Amino acid sequence: MPSPIPTLDLHYIWEDSGCLVLGRIVGYDGSLIQQLDITSISCQVRDADNNRALTATLTPVVADVVYNAAQNDDSWPYDDGYNFRHLLPATAFPTGGHKYRIEYLLDPASADEENFHAVLEVYARDLYRS
């Protein structure tokens, strides 16, 4: 069975700044995941330009980051809305000029489904003041 394919949207960020991750994450049946579909989420951020050094390990609360219906607000520039929103801390992106990989591991509530990943990379631009 193929893994669900998340659609996450993220662009350049500034070093030493938080990073808001918005996305549309679908489950194995192709529909948007909801809070009851996921038992837990873990997140790691790694510096891809520094031997994959771990910069953050987080365990977001499902009810805080997964929405049961698509959200359409000014932070989402597309028409279909997002169902995943997570703010990563500034400490996860300490070095400008580096690419960071953000890896989420989602654990489905159904015993018939396997864990799946949502992975994205961001580039932290230099700040002259840092």
C-alpha atoms as a PDB file:
ATOM      1  CA  MET A   1       0.000   0.000   0.000  1.00  0.00           C
ATOM      2  CA  PRO A   2       1.510   3.369  -0.935  1.00  0.00           C
ATOM      3  CA  SER A   3       2.215   5.930   1.743  1.00  0.00           C
ATOM      4  CA  PRO A   4       0.010   9.028   1.885  1.00  0.00           C
ATOM      5  CA  ILE A   5       1.630  11.953   0.118  1.00  0.00           C
ATOM      6  CA  PRO A   6       1.526  15.182   2.124  1.00  0.00           C
ATOM      7  CA  THR A   7       1.418  18.532   0.414  1.00  0.00           C
ATOM      8  CA  LEU A   8       3.296  21.008   2.576  1.00  0.00           C
ATOM      9  CA  ASP A   9       4.063  24.574   1.620  1.00  0.00           C
ATOM     10  CA  LEU A  10       7.048  26.429   3.021  1.00  0.00           C
ATOM     11  CA  HIS A  11       9.540  28.903   1.651  1.00  0.00           C
ATOM     12  CA  TYR A  12      12.695  30.664   2.768  1.00  0.00           C
ATOM     13  CA  ILE A  13      12.983  31.630   6.413  1.00  0.00           C
ATOM     14  CA  TRP A  14      15.372  33.826   8.383  1.00  0.00           C
ATOM     15  CA  GLU A  15      17.947  32.255  10.666  1.00  0.00           C
ATOM     16  CA  ASP A  16      17.110  32.408  14.388  1.00  0.00           C
ATOM     17  CA  SER A  17      13.411  32.791  13.505  1.00  0.00           C
ATOM     18  CA  GLY A  18      10.423  30.555  14.045  1.00  0.00           C
ATOM     19  CA  CYS A  19       8.989  28.679  11.095  1.00  0.00           C
ATOM     20  CA  LEU A  20       5.281  28.169  10.479  1.00  0.00           C
ATOM     21  CA  VAL A  21       4.518  24.901   8.658  1.00  0.00           C
ATOM     22  CA  LEU A  22       1.151  24.710   6.912  1.00  0.00           C
ATOM     23  CA  GLY A  23       0.049  21.703   4.926  1.00  0.00           C
ATOM     24  CA  ARG A  24      -2.611  19.459   3.490  1.00  0.00           C
ATOM     25  CA  ILE A  25      -1.957  15.958   4.766  1.00  0.00           C
ATOM     26  CA  VAL A  26      -4.044  13.066   3.483  1.00  0.00           C
ATOM     27  CA  GLY A  27      -4.372   9.572   4.882  1.00  0.00           C
ATOM     28  CA  TYR A  28      -4.249   6.219   3.151  1.00  0.00           C
ATOM     29  CA  ASP A  29      -7.805   6.648   1.880  1.00  0.00           C
ATOM     30  CA  GLY A  30      -6.895   9.893   0.127  1.00  0.00           C
ATOM     31  CA  SER A  31      -8.961  12.171   2.362  1.00  0.00           C
ATOM     32  CA  LEU A  32      -7.605  14.858   4.674  1.00  0.00           C
ATOM     33  CA  ILE A  33      -6.477  13.437   7.999  1.00  0.00           C
ATOM     34  CA  GLN A  34      -8.424  14.439  11.079  1.00  0.00           C
ATOM     35  CA  GLN A  35      -7.477  14.422  14.746  1.00  0.00           C
ATOM     36  CA  LEU A  36      -9.035  10.999  15.410  1.00  0.00           C
ATOM     37  CA  ASP A  37      -7.037   9.498  12.515  1.00  0.00           C
ATOM     38  CA  ILE A  38      -3.659  10.155  14.212  1.00  0.00           C
ATOM     39  CA  THR A  39      -2.523   8.973  17.644  1.00  0.00           C
ATOM     40  CA  SER A  40       0.794  10.832  17.786  1.00  0.00           C
ATOM     41  CA  ILE A  41       3.179  13.033  15.847  1.00  0.00           C
ATOM     42  CA  SER A  42       6.904  13.458  16.317  1.00  0.00           C
ATOM     43  CA  CYS A  43       9.133  15.994  14.605  1.00  0.00           C
ATOM     44  CA  GLN A  44      12.864  16.329  14.069  1.00  0.00           C
ATOM     45  CA  VAL A  45      14.719  19.234  12.490  1.00  0.00           C
ATOM     46  CA  ARG A  46      18.201  18.585  11.121  1.00  0.00           C
ATOM     47  CA  ASP A  47      20.833  20.862   9.637  1.00  0.00           C
ATOM     48  CA  ALA A  48      21.392  19.327   6.190  1.00  0.00           C
ATOM     49  CA  ASP A  49      24.543  21.408   5.709  1.00  0.00           C
ATOM     50  CA  ASN A  50      26.142  20.366   9.006  1.00  0.00           C
ATOM     51  CA  ASN A  51      26.331  16.563   8.882  1.00  0.00           C
ATOM     52  CA  ARG A  52      22.589  16.330   9.565  1.00  0.00           C
ATOM     53  CA  ALA A  53      23.060  17.703  13.070  1.00  0.00           C
ATOM     54  CA  LEU A  54      19.865  17.494  15.116  1.00  0.00           C
ATOM     55  CA  THR A  55      18.655  21.002  15.986  1.00  0.00           C
ATOM     56  CA  ALA A  56      15.211  20.176  17.424  1.00  0.00           C
ATOM     57  CA  THR A  57      13.111  17.232  18.573  1.00  0.00           C
ATOM     58  CA  LEU A  58       9.455  18.006  19.145  1.00  0.00           C
ATOM     59  CA  THR A  59       6.272  16.105  19.937  1.00  0.00           C
ATOM     60  CA  PRO A  60       3.375  18.304  18.848  1.00  0.00           C
ATOM     61  CA  VAL A  61      -0.022  17.526  20.357  1.00  0.00           C
ATOM     62  CA  VAL A  62      -2.290  16.182  17.608  1.00  0.00           C
ATOM     63  CA  ALA A  63      -5.238  18.347  18.688  1.00  0.00           C
ATOM     64  CA  ASP A  64      -3.034  21.454  18.460  1.00  0.00           C
ATOM     65  CA  VAL A  65      -1.688  20.886  14.939  1.00  0.00           C
ATOM     66  CA  VAL A  66      -4.276  18.814  13.029  1.00  0.00           C
ATOM     67  CA  TYR A  67      -7.621  20.336  12.019  1.00  0.00           C
ATOM     68  CA  ASN A  68     -10.752  18.297  11.379  1.00  0.00           C
ATOM     69  CA  ALA A  69     -11.726  20.539   8.472  1.00  0.00           C
ATOM     70  CA  ALA A  70      -9.696  22.455   5.923  1.00  0.00           C
ATOM     71  CA  GLN A  71      -8.768  25.933   7.140  1.00  0.00           C
ATOM     72  CA  ASN A  72      -9.017  28.852   4.733  1.00  0.00           C
ATOM     73  CA  ASP A  73      -7.458  32.026   6.058  1.00  0.00           C
ATOM     74  CA  ASP A  74      -4.969  34.663   4.935  1.00  0.00           C
ATOM     75  CA  SER A  75      -1.966  32.482   5.781  1.00  0.00           C
ATOM     76  CA  TRP A  76      -2.894  29.932   3.065  1.00  0.00           C
ATOM     77  CA  PRO A  77      -2.613  31.271  -0.504  1.00  0.00           C
ATOM     78  CA  TYR A  78      -4.315  28.296  -2.168  1.00  0.00           C
ATOM     79  CA  ASP A  79      -7.994  27.563  -2.594  1.00  0.00           C
ATOM     80  CA  ASP A  80      -8.371  24.182  -0.867  1.00  0.00           C
ATOM     81  CA  GLY A  81      -7.250  25.064   2.669  1.00  0.00           C
ATOM     82  CA  TYR A  82      -4.825  23.349   5.052  1.00  0.00           C
ATOM     83  CA  ASN A  83      -5.384  20.802   7.817  1.00  0.00           C
ATOM     84  CA  PHE A  84      -1.957  20.919   9.484  1.00  0.00           C
ATOM     85  CA  ARG A  85      -0.364  23.912  11.221  1.00  0.00           C
ATOM     86  CA  HIS A  86       2.762  23.787  13.375  1.00  0.00           C
ATOM     87  CA  LEU A  87       5.036  26.592  14.558  1.00  0.00           C
ATOM     88  CA  LEU A  88       8.651  25.479  14.917  1.00  0.00           C
ATOM     89  CA  PRO A  89      10.885  27.389  17.364  1.00  0.00           C
ATOM     90  CA  ALA A  90      13.614  29.787  16.285  1.00  0.00           C
ATOM     91  CA  THR A  91      16.201  27.615  18.039  1.00  0.00           C
ATOM     92  CA  ALA A  92      15.669  24.935  15.370  1.00  0.00           C
ATOM     93  CA  PHE A  93      17.213  27.196  12.693  1.00  0.00           C
ATOM     94  CA  PRO A  94      20.346  28.700  14.276  1.00  0.00           C
ATOM     95  CA  THR A  95      22.588  29.129  11.235  1.00  0.00           C
ATOM     96  CA  GLY A  96      21.947  31.259   8.186  1.00  0.00           C
ATOM     97  CA  GLY A  97      23.006  30.004   4.789  1.00  0.00           C
ATOM     98  CA  HIS A  98      22.026  26.450   5.743  1.00  0.00           C
ATOM     99  CA  LYS A  99      19.323  24.103   4.527  1.00  0.00           C
ATOM    100  CA  TYR A 100      17.252  22.369   7.204  1.00  0.00           C
ATOM    101  CA  ARG A 101      15.188  19.208   6.875  1.00  0.00           C
ATOM    102  CA  ILE A 102      11.957  18.971   8.866  1.00  0.00           C
ATOM    103  CA  GLU A 103      10.690  15.417   9.302  1.00  0.00           C
ATOM    104  CA  TYR A 104       7.315  14.597  10.801  1.00  0.00           C
ATOM    105  CA  LEU A 105       6.385  11.013  11.696  1.00  0.00           C
ATOM    106  CA  LEU A 106       2.638  10.457  11.971  1.00  0.00           C
ATOM    107  CA  ASP A 107       1.229   7.400  13.726  1.00  0.00           C
ATOM    108  CA  PRO A 108      -2.245   6.467  12.408  1.00  0.00           C
ATOM    109  CA  ALA A 109      -4.932   5.384  14.866  1.00  0.00           C
ATOM    110  CA  SER A 110      -5.945   2.440  12.689  1.00  0.00           C
ATOM    111  CA  ALA A 111      -4.015  -0.786  13.254  1.00  0.00           C
ATOM    112  CA  ASP A 112      -4.468  -1.477   9.539  1.00  0.00           C
ATOM    113  CA  GLU A 113      -2.321   1.496   8.526  1.00  0.00           C
ATOM    114  CA  GLU A 114       1.426   2.074   8.789  1.00  0.00           C
ATOM    115  CA  ASN A 115       3.202   5.139  10.116  1.00  0.00           C
ATOM    116  CA  PHE A 116       4.017   7.725   7.473  1.00  0.00           C
ATOM    117  CA  HIS A 117       6.256  10.753   7.074  1.00  0.00           C
ATOM    118  CA  ALA A 118       5.788  14.328   5.986  1.00  0.00           C
ATOM    119  CA  VAL A 119       9.202  15.745   5.035  1.00  0.00           C
ATOM    120  CA  LEU A 120      10.220  19.169   3.802  1.00  0.00           C
ATOM    121  CA  GLU A 121      13.317  21.298   3.540  1.00  0.00           C
ATOM    122  CA  VAL A 122      13.741  25.000   4.164  1.00  0.00           C
ATOM    123  CA  TYR A 123      16.608  27.369   3.584  1.00  0.00           C
ATOM    124  CA  ALA A 124      17.534  29.774   6.392  1.00  0.00           C
ATOM    125  CA  ARG A 125      18.773  33.097   5.058  1.00  0.00           C
ATOM    126  CA  ASP A 126      21.513  34.984   6.893  1.00  0.00           C
ATOM    127  CA  LEU A 127      20.679  37.818   9.239  1.00  0.00           C
ATOM    128  CA  TYR A 128      23.395  40.442   9.466  1.00  0.00           C
ATOM    129  CA  ARG A 129      22.688  41.010  13.145  1.00  0.00           C
ATOM    130  CA  SER A 130      23.287  37.372  14.169  1.00  0.00           C
END
